[in-house]
Structures are given as C-alpha cells and as structure tokens.
Amino acid sequence: MNRIRDRLGDQMTRAQALRLRSLSHEAYQPRQFDEKLTQAEASRRIEALENEIALADSF
C-alpha cells in the first residue's frame, strides 16, 4: 500500500511533515505525527491541532 502512495505522490510534503511534527509536540500529542500520512490526512491533522492549540490559548 505504501508503494501505491509513493507512486501517486500522495505522501505529505516536507513542509507538512515539519509543521505537523512541530504542532504535535506543542499540543503534547506526539503520536499525531506519522511519517506515512497522505497529504490529505496531514492537512486534517494539522488543522485539528491548530484549532486545539488556538482553543487552549484562548483560556
């Protein structure tokens, strides 16, 4: 299955990986980072973590 993702170029970008790794550590959720995510999965996790961090910062 990973080979299919590689051929389709669907793996998350380097920029997404860096952002997701940073956000997952900032939110104390390192398990949210996974090197094998697709671009779409990474985008969803990034958005969720950004929203979670913004909510925590609002208190």
N, C-alpha and C. Protein backbone atom coordinates (compact mmCIF):
# COMPACT_ATOMS: atom_id res chain seq x y z
N MET A 1 0.82 -1.19 0.00
CA MET A 1 0.00 0.00 0.00
C MET A 1 0.87 1.26 0.00
N ASN A 2 1.96 1.25 0.77
CA ASN A 2 2.84 2.41 0.79
C ASN A 2 3.45 2.66 -0.58
N ARG A 3 3.69 1.60 -1.35
CA ARG A 3 4.24 1.77 -2.69
C ARG A 3 3.26 2.51 -3.58
N ILE A 4 1.99 2.23 -3.41
CA ILE A 4 0.97 2.92 -4.19
C ILE A 4 0.99 4.40 -3.87
N ARG A 5 1.05 4.75 -2.60
CA ARG A 5 1.12 6.16 -2.19
C ARG A 5 2.35 6.83 -2.79
N ASP A 6 3.49 6.13 -2.75
CA ASP A 6 4.72 6.69 -3.31
C ASP A 6 4.58 6.99 -4.79
N ARG A 7 4.00 6.07 -5.52
CA ARG A 7 3.84 6.25 -6.96
C ARG A 7 2.88 7.37 -7.29
N LEU A 8 1.87 7.54 -6.48
CA LEU A 8 0.88 8.58 -6.73
C LEU A 8 1.34 9.94 -6.25
N GLY A 9 2.44 9.98 -5.51
CA GLY A 9 2.93 11.25 -5.00
C GLY A 9 2.00 11.83 -3.96
N ASP A 10 1.32 10.98 -3.25
CA ASP A 10 0.28 11.40 -2.33
C ASP A 10 0.80 11.60 -0.91
N GLN A 11 2.06 11.25 -0.67
CA GLN A 11 2.59 11.40 0.68
C GLN A 11 2.66 12.87 1.05
N MET A 12 2.55 13.13 2.34
CA MET A 12 2.61 14.53 2.78
C MET A 12 3.92 15.16 2.36
N THR A 13 3.86 16.45 2.19
CA THR A 13 5.04 17.20 1.77
C THR A 13 5.99 17.38 2.96
N ARG A 14 7.19 17.77 2.64
CA ARG A 14 8.19 18.04 3.70
C ARG A 14 7.69 19.17 4.61
N ALA A 15 7.09 20.19 4.01
CA ALA A 15 6.57 21.31 4.80
C ALA A 15 5.47 20.84 5.74
N GLN A 16 4.59 19.98 5.25
CA GLN A 16 3.53 19.44 6.11
C GLN A 16 4.13 18.62 7.24
N ALA A 17 5.13 17.82 6.93
CA ALA A 17 5.76 16.98 7.95
C ALA A 17 6.38 17.84 9.05
N LEU A 18 7.08 18.88 8.66
CA LEU A 18 7.70 19.76 9.64
C LEU A 18 6.65 20.46 10.51
N ARG A 19 5.59 20.95 9.86
CA ARG A 19 4.53 21.65 10.59
C ARG A 19 3.80 20.70 11.54
N LEU A 20 3.48 19.51 11.05
CA LEU A 20 2.77 18.54 11.87
C LEU A 20 3.61 18.09 13.06
N ARG A 21 4.89 17.87 12.82
CA ARG A 21 5.78 17.46 13.93
C ARG A 21 5.82 18.56 14.99
N SER A 22 5.95 19.79 14.56
CA SER A 22 6.01 20.92 15.48
C SER A 22 4.71 21.06 16.28
N LEU A 23 3.59 21.02 15.58
CA LEU A 23 2.29 21.16 16.25
C LEU A 23 2.00 20.00 17.20
N SER A 24 2.36 18.80 16.79
CA SER A 24 2.09 17.65 17.65
C SER A 24 2.87 17.73 18.96
N HIS A 25 4.07 18.26 18.91
CA HIS A 25 4.85 18.44 20.14
C HIS A 25 4.29 19.60 20.97
N GLU A 26 3.91 20.68 20.30
CA GLU A 26 3.34 21.83 21.01
C GLU A 26 2.05 21.45 21.73
N ALA A 27 1.27 20.56 21.13
CA ALA A 27 0.00 20.13 21.72
C ALA A 27 0.18 18.93 22.66
N TYR A 28 1.43 18.53 22.90
CA TYR A 28 1.73 17.37 23.74
C TYR A 28 1.04 16.10 23.23
N GLN A 29 1.01 15.97 21.90
CA GLN A 29 0.41 14.79 21.26
C GLN A 29 1.35 14.25 20.17
N PRO A 30 2.52 13.79 20.56
CA PRO A 30 3.50 13.35 19.56
C PRO A 30 3.01 12.21 18.69
N ARG A 31 2.03 11.47 19.13
CA ARG A 31 1.51 10.35 18.33
C ARG A 31 0.70 10.82 17.13
N GLN A 32 0.36 12.10 17.08
CA GLN A 32 -0.36 12.63 15.92
C GLN A 32 0.53 12.69 14.68
N PHE A 33 1.84 12.66 14.91
CA PHE A 33 2.79 12.68 13.79
C PHE A 33 3.05 11.26 13.32
N ASP A 34 2.93 11.05 12.03
CA ASP A 34 3.22 9.76 11.40
C ASP A 34 3.82 10.04 10.04
N GLU A 35 5.00 9.53 9.79
CA GLU A 35 5.71 9.80 8.54
C GLU A 35 4.97 9.31 7.30
N LYS A 36 4.05 8.39 7.47
CA LYS A 36 3.40 7.76 6.32
C LYS A 36 2.04 8.34 5.98
N LEU A 37 1.73 9.51 6.48
CA LEU A 37 0.44 10.12 6.18
C LEU A 37 0.37 10.63 4.76
N THR A 38 -0.82 10.66 4.22
CA THR A 38 -1.03 11.28 2.92
C THR A 38 -1.13 12.79 3.13
N GLN A 39 -1.12 13.52 2.03
CA GLN A 39 -1.25 14.97 2.13
C GLN A 39 -2.59 15.35 2.76
N ALA A 40 -3.64 14.65 2.38
CA ALA A 40 -4.98 14.95 2.92
C ALA A 40 -5.04 14.65 4.42
N GLU A 41 -4.50 13.52 4.83
CA GLU A 41 -4.50 13.16 6.25
C GLU A 41 -3.68 14.16 7.06
N ALA A 42 -2.55 14.54 6.53
CA ALA A 42 -1.69 15.52 7.21
C ALA A 42 -2.41 16.85 7.34
N SER A 43 -3.08 17.28 6.30
CA SER A 43 -3.83 18.55 6.35
C SER A 43 -4.89 18.52 7.43
N ARG A 44 -5.62 17.41 7.51
CA ARG A 44 -6.66 17.30 8.54
C ARG A 44 -6.07 17.35 9.94
N ARG A 45 -4.97 16.64 10.15
CA ARG A 45 -4.34 16.64 11.49
C ARG A 45 -3.77 18.01 11.84
N ILE A 46 -3.16 18.66 10.85
CA ILE A 46 -2.61 19.99 11.09
C ILE A 46 -3.72 20.95 11.48
N GLU A 47 -4.82 20.93 10.74
CA GLU A 47 -5.94 21.82 11.05
C GLU A 47 -6.51 21.52 12.43
N ALA A 48 -6.67 20.25 12.77
CA ALA A 48 -7.21 19.88 14.08
C ALA A 48 -6.29 20.35 15.20
N LEU A 49 -4.99 20.16 15.04
CA LEU A 49 -4.06 20.58 16.07
C LEU A 49 -4.00 22.10 16.19
N GLU A 50 -4.04 22.80 15.07
CA GLU A 50 -4.05 24.27 15.11
C GLU A 50 -5.29 24.77 15.86
N ASN A 51 -6.43 24.15 15.60
CA ASN A 51 -7.67 24.55 16.29
C ASN A 51 -7.59 24.24 17.78
N GLU A 52 -7.04 23.09 18.11
CA GLU A 52 -6.90 22.70 19.51
C GLU A 52 -5.97 23.66 20.27
N ILE A 53 -4.86 24.01 19.65
CA ILE A 53 -3.91 24.93 20.27
C ILE A 53 -4.53 26.32 20.41
N ALA A 54 -5.23 26.77 19.40
CA ALA A 54 -5.90 28.08 19.47
C ALA A 54 -6.93 28.10 20.59
N LEU A 55 -7.67 27.03 20.75
CA LEU A 55 -8.66 26.95 21.82
C LEU A 55 -7.98 26.99 23.18
N ALA A 56 -6.90 26.23 23.34
CA ALA A 56 -6.18 26.23 24.61
C ALA A 56 -5.59 27.60 24.92
N ASP A 57 -5.14 28.29 23.90
CA ASP A 57 -4.55 29.63 24.09
C ASP A 57 -5.60 30.68 24.44
N SER A 58 -6.85 30.39 24.15
CA SER A 58 -7.91 31.39 24.40
C SER A 58 -8.33 31.44 25.87
N PHE A 59 -7.87 30.50 26.67
CA PHE A 59 -8.27 30.49 28.09
C PHE A 59 -7.34 31.32 28.93
